[in-house]
Amino acid sequence: MVLLCPPLPLDNFCSDDTFEAMKSDYFLRYATLLAAILLAFGLVTRVQAQTGSFTLLDDAYATLAQADHDYKGHRVKAMKQIELAVQELGGKISGKGRGHEPQATSDAQLRAAQTLLQQAGSGLSGKALKHVNAAIAQINTALAIK
């Protein structure tokens, strides 16, 4: 490390005050750099988690959309909650569709969507998580209807 001190007589090196000020300056710079790196890593990790959650939400929506039976409106309500969760993440649902299968197949699709939502929920917080939990509750109600 090179110490930059004002020119002084040869018998007097950097004063203690100058050395302490330089030490403090270097410490502040390194601490700021470390904080920026840690913050960036945290943001990247959060974005990756939300991206993974978005994919799971989109898959859950598509799975529910393929289910043929209405479940007294609870399947559709779950789909609306998923749409709201995706909007909270700044995205848009892409999976849409409608199938024509027996009740047991539709039930299996709802259970699959429920599993996807549970996985997605682990990477979410705030309003998006609230909507995912509401969608799971709607699916539970729908599966109780026979």
N, C-alpha and C. Protein backbone atom coordinates (compact mmCIF):
# COMPACT_ATOMS: atom_id res chain seq x y z
N MET A 1 0.85 -1.16 0.00
CA MET A 1 0.00 0.00 0.00
C MET A 1 0.90 1.23 0.00
N VAL A 2 0.58 2.19 -0.82
CA VAL A 2 1.35 3.42 -0.93
C VAL A 2 0.66 4.50 -0.11
N LEU A 3 1.42 5.12 0.78
CA LEU A 3 0.87 6.20 1.59
C LEU A 3 1.18 7.52 0.91
N LEU A 4 0.17 8.30 0.71
CA LEU A 4 0.35 9.60 0.09
C LEU A 4 0.28 10.66 1.17
N CYS A 5 1.41 11.22 1.49
CA CYS A 5 1.48 12.23 2.53
C CYS A 5 2.02 13.52 1.92
N PRO A 6 1.66 14.62 2.53
CA PRO A 6 2.22 15.87 2.04
C PRO A 6 3.74 15.88 2.30
N PRO A 7 4.50 16.58 1.47
CA PRO A 7 5.95 16.60 1.67
C PRO A 7 6.29 17.15 3.05
N LEU A 8 7.10 16.39 3.75
CA LEU A 8 7.53 16.76 5.09
C LEU A 8 9.05 16.64 5.16
N PRO A 9 9.61 17.20 6.16
CA PRO A 9 11.04 17.03 6.32
C PRO A 9 11.38 15.55 6.43
N LEU A 10 12.60 15.17 6.06
CA LEU A 10 13.01 13.78 6.03
C LEU A 10 12.95 13.12 7.39
N ASP A 11 13.11 13.86 8.45
CA ASP A 11 13.10 13.23 9.76
C ASP A 11 11.69 13.05 10.31
N ASN A 12 10.66 13.43 9.54
CA ASN A 12 9.29 13.32 10.01
C ASN A 12 8.44 12.64 8.94
N PHE A 13 7.99 11.40 9.19
CA PHE A 13 7.13 10.69 8.24
C PHE A 13 5.70 11.18 8.40
N CYS A 14 4.75 10.46 7.81
CA CYS A 14 3.34 10.86 7.90
C CYS A 14 2.92 10.96 9.36
N SER A 15 2.17 11.97 9.61
CA SER A 15 1.69 12.13 10.98
C SER A 15 0.63 11.08 11.26
N ASP A 16 0.39 10.81 12.52
CA ASP A 16 -0.61 9.82 12.91
C ASP A 16 -2.00 10.22 12.43
N ASP A 17 -2.30 11.50 12.43
CA ASP A 17 -3.61 11.96 11.99
C ASP A 17 -3.83 11.66 10.51
N THR A 18 -2.83 11.89 9.68
CA THR A 18 -2.94 11.62 8.25
C THR A 18 -3.10 10.13 7.99
N PHE A 19 -2.32 9.33 8.70
CA PHE A 19 -2.39 7.88 8.54
C PHE A 19 -3.78 7.37 8.95
N GLU A 20 -4.31 7.83 10.06
CA GLU A 20 -5.64 7.42 10.53
C GLU A 20 -6.73 7.85 9.56
N ALA A 21 -6.60 9.02 8.99
CA ALA A 21 -7.58 9.50 8.02
C ALA A 21 -7.56 8.62 6.77
N MET A 22 -6.38 8.22 6.34
CA MET A 22 -6.27 7.36 5.15
C MET A 22 -6.82 5.98 5.45
N LYS A 23 -6.54 5.45 6.63
CA LYS A 23 -7.07 4.16 7.03
C LYS A 23 -8.59 4.20 7.04
N SER A 24 -9.13 5.25 7.59
CA SER A 24 -10.58 5.41 7.66
C SER A 24 -11.18 5.50 6.26
N ASP A 25 -10.52 6.21 5.35
CA ASP A 25 -10.99 6.35 3.98
C ASP A 25 -11.00 5.00 3.26
N TYR A 26 -9.92 4.22 3.41
CA TYR A 26 -9.86 2.91 2.78
C TYR A 26 -10.92 1.98 3.36
N PHE A 27 -11.08 2.02 4.66
CA PHE A 27 -12.09 1.18 5.29
C PHE A 27 -13.48 1.52 4.75
N LEU A 28 -13.79 2.79 4.63
CA LEU A 28 -15.09 3.23 4.13
C LEU A 28 -15.30 2.76 2.69
N ARG A 29 -14.26 2.86 1.88
CA ARG A 29 -14.38 2.41 0.48
C ARG A 29 -14.62 0.91 0.40
N TYR A 30 -13.86 0.12 1.16
CA TYR A 30 -14.04 -1.33 1.12
C TYR A 30 -15.39 -1.75 1.69
N ALA A 31 -15.81 -1.09 2.74
CA ALA A 31 -17.11 -1.40 3.32
C ALA A 31 -18.24 -1.09 2.34
N THR A 32 -18.12 0.01 1.63
CA THR A 32 -19.12 0.39 0.63
C THR A 32 -19.14 -0.61 -0.52
N LEU A 33 -17.98 -1.03 -0.97
CA LEU A 33 -17.89 -2.01 -2.05
C LEU A 33 -18.49 -3.34 -1.61
N LEU A 34 -18.17 -3.77 -0.40
CA LEU A 34 -18.72 -5.02 0.11
C LEU A 34 -20.24 -4.94 0.22
N ALA A 35 -20.74 -3.84 0.73
CA ALA A 35 -22.19 -3.66 0.85
C ALA A 35 -22.86 -3.69 -0.52
N ALA A 36 -22.25 -3.06 -1.51
CA ALA A 36 -22.83 -3.05 -2.86
C ALA A 36 -22.86 -4.46 -3.44
N ILE A 37 -21.80 -5.22 -3.22
CA ILE A 37 -21.74 -6.59 -3.74
C ILE A 37 -22.81 -7.45 -3.07
N LEU A 38 -22.91 -7.34 -1.76
CA LEU A 38 -23.90 -8.13 -1.04
C LEU A 38 -25.33 -7.74 -1.44
N LEU A 39 -25.56 -6.47 -1.62
CA LEU A 39 -26.88 -6.00 -2.05
C LEU A 39 -27.20 -6.52 -3.44
N ALA A 40 -26.25 -6.44 -4.33
CA ALA A 40 -26.47 -6.94 -5.70
C ALA A 40 -26.76 -8.43 -5.69
N PHE A 41 -26.01 -9.18 -4.89
CA PHE A 41 -26.24 -10.62 -4.81
C PHE A 41 -27.64 -10.91 -4.27
N GLY A 42 -28.05 -10.17 -3.25
CA GLY A 42 -29.38 -10.35 -2.69
C GLY A 42 -30.48 -10.05 -3.69
N LEU A 43 -30.32 -8.99 -4.47
CA LEU A 43 -31.31 -8.63 -5.47
C LEU A 43 -31.37 -9.66 -6.58
N VAL A 44 -30.20 -10.16 -7.00
CA VAL A 44 -30.17 -11.18 -8.05
C VAL A 44 -30.87 -12.44 -7.56
N THR A 45 -30.58 -12.83 -6.32
CA THR A 45 -31.21 -14.02 -5.77
C THR A 45 -32.72 -13.85 -5.70
N ARG A 46 -33.19 -12.67 -5.29
CA ARG A 46 -34.62 -12.43 -5.21
C ARG A 46 -35.26 -12.46 -6.59
N VAL A 47 -34.61 -11.86 -7.56
CA VAL A 47 -35.14 -11.86 -8.93
C VAL A 47 -35.20 -13.29 -9.46
N GLN A 48 -34.16 -14.09 -9.18
CA GLN A 48 -34.18 -15.48 -9.63
C GLN A 48 -35.32 -16.24 -8.98
N ALA A 49 -35.54 -16.00 -7.68
CA ALA A 49 -36.64 -16.68 -6.98
C ALA A 49 -37.98 -16.27 -7.57
N GLN A 50 -38.14 -14.98 -7.85
CA GLN A 50 -39.41 -14.52 -8.42
C GLN A 50 -39.60 -15.05 -9.82
N THR A 51 -38.53 -15.16 -10.59
CA THR A 51 -38.64 -15.70 -11.94
C THR A 51 -39.08 -17.15 -11.88
N GLY A 52 -38.49 -17.92 -10.97
CA GLY A 52 -38.90 -19.31 -10.79
C GLY A 52 -40.34 -19.41 -10.33
N SER A 53 -40.72 -18.53 -9.41
CA SER A 53 -42.10 -18.52 -8.93
C SER A 53 -43.07 -18.13 -10.04
N PHE A 54 -42.67 -17.17 -10.87
CA PHE A 54 -43.53 -16.76 -11.99
C PHE A 54 -43.79 -17.95 -12.91
N THR A 55 -42.76 -18.73 -13.22
CA THR A 55 -42.92 -19.89 -14.09
C THR A 55 -43.87 -20.91 -13.47
N LEU A 56 -43.71 -21.14 -12.17
CA LEU A 56 -44.60 -22.07 -11.48
C LEU A 56 -46.04 -21.57 -11.47
N LEU A 57 -46.21 -20.27 -11.25
CA LEU A 57 -47.56 -19.69 -11.26
C LEU A 57 -48.19 -19.82 -12.64
N ASP A 58 -47.42 -19.55 -13.68
CA ASP A 58 -47.93 -19.66 -15.04
C ASP A 58 -48.33 -21.11 -15.34
N ASP A 59 -47.50 -22.06 -14.89
CA ASP A 59 -47.82 -23.48 -15.09
C ASP A 59 -49.08 -23.88 -14.32
N ALA A 60 -49.20 -23.38 -13.10
CA ALA A 60 -50.39 -23.69 -12.29
C ALA A 60 -51.64 -23.14 -12.96
N TYR A 61 -51.54 -21.92 -13.48
CA TYR A 61 -52.68 -21.32 -14.16
C TYR A 61 -53.08 -22.16 -15.38
N ALA A 62 -52.09 -22.55 -16.17
CA ALA A 62 -52.37 -23.35 -17.37
C ALA A 62 -53.00 -24.69 -16.99
N THR A 63 -52.52 -25.29 -15.91
CA THR A 63 -53.07 -26.56 -15.45
C THR A 63 -54.52 -26.40 -15.03
N LEU A 64 -54.80 -25.34 -14.29
CA LEU A 64 -56.20 -25.09 -13.89
C LEU A 64 -57.08 -24.78 -15.09
N ALA A 65 -56.52 -24.07 -16.07
CA ALA A 65 -57.30 -23.72 -17.26
C ALA A 65 -57.69 -24.96 -18.05
N GLN A 66 -56.86 -25.99 -18.00
CA GLN A 66 -57.16 -27.22 -18.75
C GLN A 66 -58.21 -28.08 -18.06
N ALA A 67 -58.36 -27.91 -16.77
CA ALA A 67 -59.36 -28.71 -16.05
C ALA A 67 -60.75 -28.37 -16.58
N ASP A 68 -61.56 -29.38 -16.78
CA ASP A 68 -62.83 -29.21 -17.48
C ASP A 68 -63.98 -28.79 -16.57
N HIS A 69 -63.95 -29.19 -15.33
CA HIS A 69 -65.11 -28.97 -14.47
C HIS A 69 -65.01 -27.63 -13.74
N ASP A 70 -66.16 -27.09 -13.36
CA ASP A 70 -66.25 -25.75 -12.80
C ASP A 70 -65.95 -25.70 -11.30
N TYR A 71 -66.33 -26.73 -10.54
CA TYR A 71 -66.12 -26.75 -9.09
C TYR A 71 -66.81 -25.57 -8.42
N LYS A 72 -68.01 -25.27 -8.86
CA LYS A 72 -68.83 -24.18 -8.32
C LYS A 72 -68.08 -22.85 -8.29
N GLY A 73 -67.29 -22.60 -9.29
CA GLY A 73 -66.60 -21.32 -9.43
C GLY A 73 -65.26 -21.22 -8.71
N HIS A 74 -64.90 -22.20 -7.90
CA HIS A 74 -63.66 -22.10 -7.12
C HIS A 74 -62.41 -22.27 -7.99
N ARG A 75 -62.49 -23.05 -9.05
CA ARG A 75 -61.36 -23.18 -9.96
C ARG A 75 -61.06 -21.83 -10.60
N VAL A 76 -62.11 -21.16 -11.06
CA VAL A 76 -61.96 -19.85 -11.71
C VAL A 76 -61.45 -18.81 -10.70
N LYS A 77 -61.96 -18.88 -9.46
CA LYS A 77 -61.48 -17.95 -8.43
C LYS A 77 -60.00 -18.16 -8.14
N ALA A 78 -59.58 -19.43 -8.12
CA ALA A 78 -58.15 -19.72 -7.93
C ALA A 78 -57.33 -19.14 -9.08
N MET A 79 -57.85 -19.27 -10.30
CA MET A 79 -57.15 -18.72 -11.46
C MET A 79 -57.03 -17.19 -11.35
N LYS A 80 -58.08 -16.55 -10.87
CA LYS A 80 -58.04 -15.08 -10.70
C LYS A 80 -56.97 -14.69 -9.68
N GLN A 81 -56.87 -15.46 -8.59
CA GLN A 81 -55.86 -15.17 -7.57
C GLN A 81 -54.45 -15.34 -8.14
N ILE A 82 -54.28 -16.34 -8.98
CA ILE A 82 -52.97 -16.54 -9.61
C ILE A 82 -52.65 -15.36 -10.53
N GLU A 83 -53.63 -14.90 -11.28
CA GLU A 83 -53.43 -13.73 -12.14
C GLU A 83 -52.99 -12.52 -11.31
N LEU A 84 -53.64 -12.31 -10.16
CA LEU A 84 -53.28 -11.18 -9.29
C LEU A 84 -51.87 -11.33 -8.74
N ALA A 85 -51.49 -12.55 -8.39
CA ALA A 85 -50.13 -12.79 -7.88
C ALA A 85 -49.09 -12.47 -8.96
N VAL A 86 -49.37 -12.90 -10.18
CA VAL A 86 -48.44 -12.63 -11.29
C VAL A 86 -48.36 -11.13 -11.57
N GLN A 87 -49.48 -10.44 -11.48
CA GLN A 87 -49.47 -8.98 -11.67
C GLN A 87 -48.61 -8.31 -10.61
N GLU A 88 -48.65 -8.81 -9.37
CA GLU A 88 -47.82 -8.26 -8.30
C GLU A 88 -46.33 -8.41 -8.63
N LEU A 89 -46.01 -9.46 -9.37
CA LEU A 89 -44.62 -9.70 -9.78
C LEU A 89 -44.27 -8.95 -11.06
N GLY A 90 -45.24 -8.25 -11.62
CA GLY A 90 -44.98 -7.47 -12.83
C GLY A 90 -45.06 -8.28 -14.11
N GLY A 91 -45.72 -9.43 -14.07
CA GLY A 91 -45.80 -10.28 -15.25
C GLY A 91 -47.22 -10.40 -15.75
N LYS A 92 -47.38 -11.27 -16.74
CA LYS A 92 -48.68 -11.52 -17.34
C LYS A 92 -48.79 -13.02 -17.60
N ILE A 93 -49.96 -13.57 -17.34
CA ILE A 93 -50.21 -15.00 -17.54
C ILE A 93 -50.23 -15.30 -19.03
N SER A 94 -49.58 -16.41 -19.41
CA SER A 94 -49.60 -16.79 -20.81
C SER A 94 -50.42 -18.06 -21.04
N GLY A 95 -50.54 -18.92 -20.02
CA GLY A 95 -51.21 -20.20 -20.19
C GLY A 95 -52.72 -20.08 -20.16
N LYS A 96 -53.36 -20.44 -21.24
CA LYS A 96 -54.82 -20.47 -21.28
C LYS A 96 -55.22 -21.72 -22.06
N GLY A 97 -56.39 -22.18 -21.83
CA GLY A 97 -56.84 -23.36 -22.57
C GLY A 97 -57.99 -24.01 -21.85
N ARG A 98 -58.61 -24.93 -22.50
CA ARG A 98 -59.75 -25.62 -21.91
C ARG A 98 -59.72 -27.06 -22.40
N GLY A 99 -59.85 -27.98 -21.47
CA GLY A 99 -59.84 -29.40 -21.81
C GLY A 99 -61.22 -30.00 -21.68
N HIS A 100 -61.31 -31.25 -22.02
CA HIS A 100 -62.58 -31.99 -21.89
C HIS A 100 -62.23 -33.36 -21.36
N GLU A 101 -62.11 -33.45 -20.03
CA GLU A 101 -61.72 -34.72 -19.44
C GLU A 101 -62.67 -35.10 -18.31
N PRO A 102 -62.58 -36.32 -17.86
CA PRO A 102 -63.44 -36.77 -16.77
C PRO A 102 -63.10 -36.05 -15.46
N GLN A 103 -64.02 -36.16 -14.49
CA GLN A 103 -63.85 -35.50 -13.19
C GLN A 103 -62.52 -35.88 -12.52
N ALA A 104 -62.16 -37.15 -12.54
CA ALA A 104 -60.93 -37.60 -11.88
C ALA A 104 -59.69 -36.93 -12.50
N THR A 105 -59.71 -36.74 -13.80
CA THR A 105 -58.59 -36.07 -14.47
C THR A 105 -58.52 -34.60 -14.06
N SER A 106 -59.69 -33.96 -14.01
CA SER A 106 -59.73 -32.57 -13.56
C SER A 106 -59.24 -32.44 -12.13
N ASP A 107 -59.65 -33.38 -11.26
CA ASP A 107 -59.18 -33.35 -9.87
C ASP A 107 -57.66 -33.47 -9.82
N ALA A 108 -57.11 -34.35 -10.63
CA ALA A 108 -55.65 -34.53 -10.65
C ALA A 108 -54.96 -33.25 -11.12
N GLN A 109 -55.57 -32.57 -12.07
CA GLN A 109 -54.99 -31.31 -12.55
C GLN A 109 -55.03 -30.24 -11.46
N LEU A 110 -56.12 -30.19 -10.70
CA LEU A 110 -56.19 -29.23 -9.60
C LEU A 110 -55.13 -29.54 -8.55
N ARG A 111 -54.93 -30.81 -8.24
CA ARG A 111 -53.89 -31.18 -7.27
C ARG A 111 -52.50 -30.81 -7.79
N ALA A 112 -52.28 -31.01 -9.08
CA ALA A 112 -50.99 -30.63 -9.67
C ALA A 112 -50.77 -29.12 -9.58
N ALA A 113 -51.83 -28.36 -9.87
CA ALA A 113 -51.73 -26.91 -9.77
C ALA A 113 -51.48 -26.49 -8.32
N GLN A 114 -52.12 -27.18 -7.39
CA GLN A 114 -51.93 -26.88 -5.97
C GLN A 114 -50.46 -27.09 -5.56
N THR A 115 -49.86 -28.15 -6.04
CA THR A 115 -48.44 -28.42 -5.75
C THR A 115 -47.55 -27.34 -6.34
N LEU A 116 -47.84 -26.93 -7.57
CA LEU A 116 -47.06 -25.86 -8.20
C LEU A 116 -47.18 -24.56 -7.41
N LEU A 117 -48.38 -24.26 -6.94
CA LEU A 117 -48.59 -23.04 -6.16
C LEU A 117 -47.84 -23.09 -4.83
N GLN A 118 -47.83 -24.25 -4.19
CA GLN A 118 -47.09 -24.38 -2.94
C GLN A 118 -45.59 -24.16 -3.17
N GLN A 119 -45.07 -24.67 -4.26
CA GLN A 119 -43.66 -24.47 -4.59
C GLN A 119 -43.40 -22.99 -4.89
N ALA A 120 -44.28 -22.37 -5.64
CA ALA A 120 -44.11 -20.96 -5.98
C ALA A 120 -44.17 -20.08 -4.74
N GLY A 121 -45.04 -20.43 -3.81
CA GLY A 121 -45.21 -19.64 -2.60
C GLY A 121 -43.95 -19.53 -1.76
N SER A 122 -43.09 -20.54 -1.84
CA SER A 122 -41.87 -20.49 -1.03
C SER A 122 -40.92 -19.39 -1.48
N GLY A 123 -41.07 -18.89 -2.69
CA GLY A 123 -40.20 -17.82 -3.18
C GLY A 123 -40.86 -16.46 -3.21
N LEU A 124 -42.03 -16.34 -2.60
CA LEU A 124 -42.79 -15.09 -2.68
C LEU A 124 -42.99 -14.48 -1.30
N SER A 125 -43.39 -13.22 -1.32
CA SER A 125 -43.74 -12.53 -0.08
C SER A 125 -44.79 -11.46 -0.42
N GLY A 126 -45.32 -10.85 0.60
CA GLY A 126 -46.25 -9.74 0.41
C GLY A 126 -47.55 -10.14 -0.25
N LYS A 127 -48.06 -9.24 -1.10
CA LYS A 127 -49.35 -9.44 -1.75
C LYS A 127 -49.35 -10.65 -2.68
N ALA A 128 -48.23 -10.89 -3.36
CA ALA A 128 -48.18 -12.03 -4.27
C ALA A 128 -48.38 -13.33 -3.50
N LEU A 129 -47.73 -13.46 -2.34
CA LEU A 129 -47.90 -14.65 -1.51
C LEU A 129 -49.34 -14.76 -1.01
N LYS A 130 -49.93 -13.64 -0.66
CA LYS A 130 -51.33 -13.62 -0.20
C LYS A 130 -52.26 -14.17 -1.28
N HIS A 131 -52.03 -13.77 -2.52
CA HIS A 131 -52.88 -14.24 -3.63
C HIS A 131 -52.66 -15.73 -3.89
N VAL A 132 -51.40 -16.17 -3.78
CA VAL A 132 -51.12 -17.59 -3.99
C VAL A 132 -51.81 -18.42 -2.91
N ASN A 133 -51.73 -17.97 -1.66
CA ASN A 133 -52.41 -18.70 -0.58
C ASN A 133 -53.92 -18.72 -0.78
N ALA A 134 -54.48 -17.62 -1.29
CA ALA A 134 -55.92 -17.58 -1.57
C ALA A 134 -56.27 -18.56 -2.70
N ALA A 135 -55.40 -18.67 -3.69
CA ALA A 135 -55.64 -19.62 -4.79
C ALA A 135 -55.60 -21.05 -4.26
N ILE A 136 -54.66 -21.34 -3.37
CA ILE A 136 -54.58 -22.68 -2.77
C ILE A 136 -55.85 -22.98 -1.98
N ALA A 137 -56.35 -22.00 -1.25
CA ALA A 137 -57.59 -22.18 -0.50
C ALA A 137 -58.76 -22.47 -1.43
N GLN A 138 -58.82 -21.78 -2.55
CA GLN A 138 -59.90 -22.00 -3.53
C GLN A 138 -59.81 -23.43 -4.11
N ILE A 139 -58.60 -23.87 -4.36
CA ILE A 139 -58.42 -25.23 -4.90
C ILE A 139 -58.85 -26.25 -3.86
N ASN A 140 -58.50 -26.01 -2.60
CA ASN A 140 -58.92 -26.94 -1.53
C ASN A 140 -60.45 -27.03 -1.49
N THR A 141 -61.11 -25.89 -1.60
CA THR A 141 -62.58 -25.86 -1.61
C THR A 141 -63.11 -26.60 -2.83
N ALA A 142 -62.48 -26.33 -3.99
CA ALA A 142 -62.93 -26.98 -5.23
C ALA A 142 -62.79 -28.50 -5.14
N LEU A 143 -61.71 -28.98 -4.55
CA LEU A 143 -61.50 -30.43 -4.46
C LEU A 143 -62.47 -31.08 -3.47
N ALA A 144 -63.01 -30.30 -2.56
CA ALA A 144 -63.98 -30.85 -1.61
C ALA A 144 -65.35 -31.03 -2.25
N ILE A 145 -65.58 -30.41 -3.43
CA ILE A 145 -66.86 -30.50 -4.14
C ILE A 145 -66.84 -31.74 -5.03
N LYS A 146 -67.85 -32.55 -4.92
CA LYS A 146 -67.94 -33.75 -5.77
C LYS A 146 -69.22 -33.77 -6.53
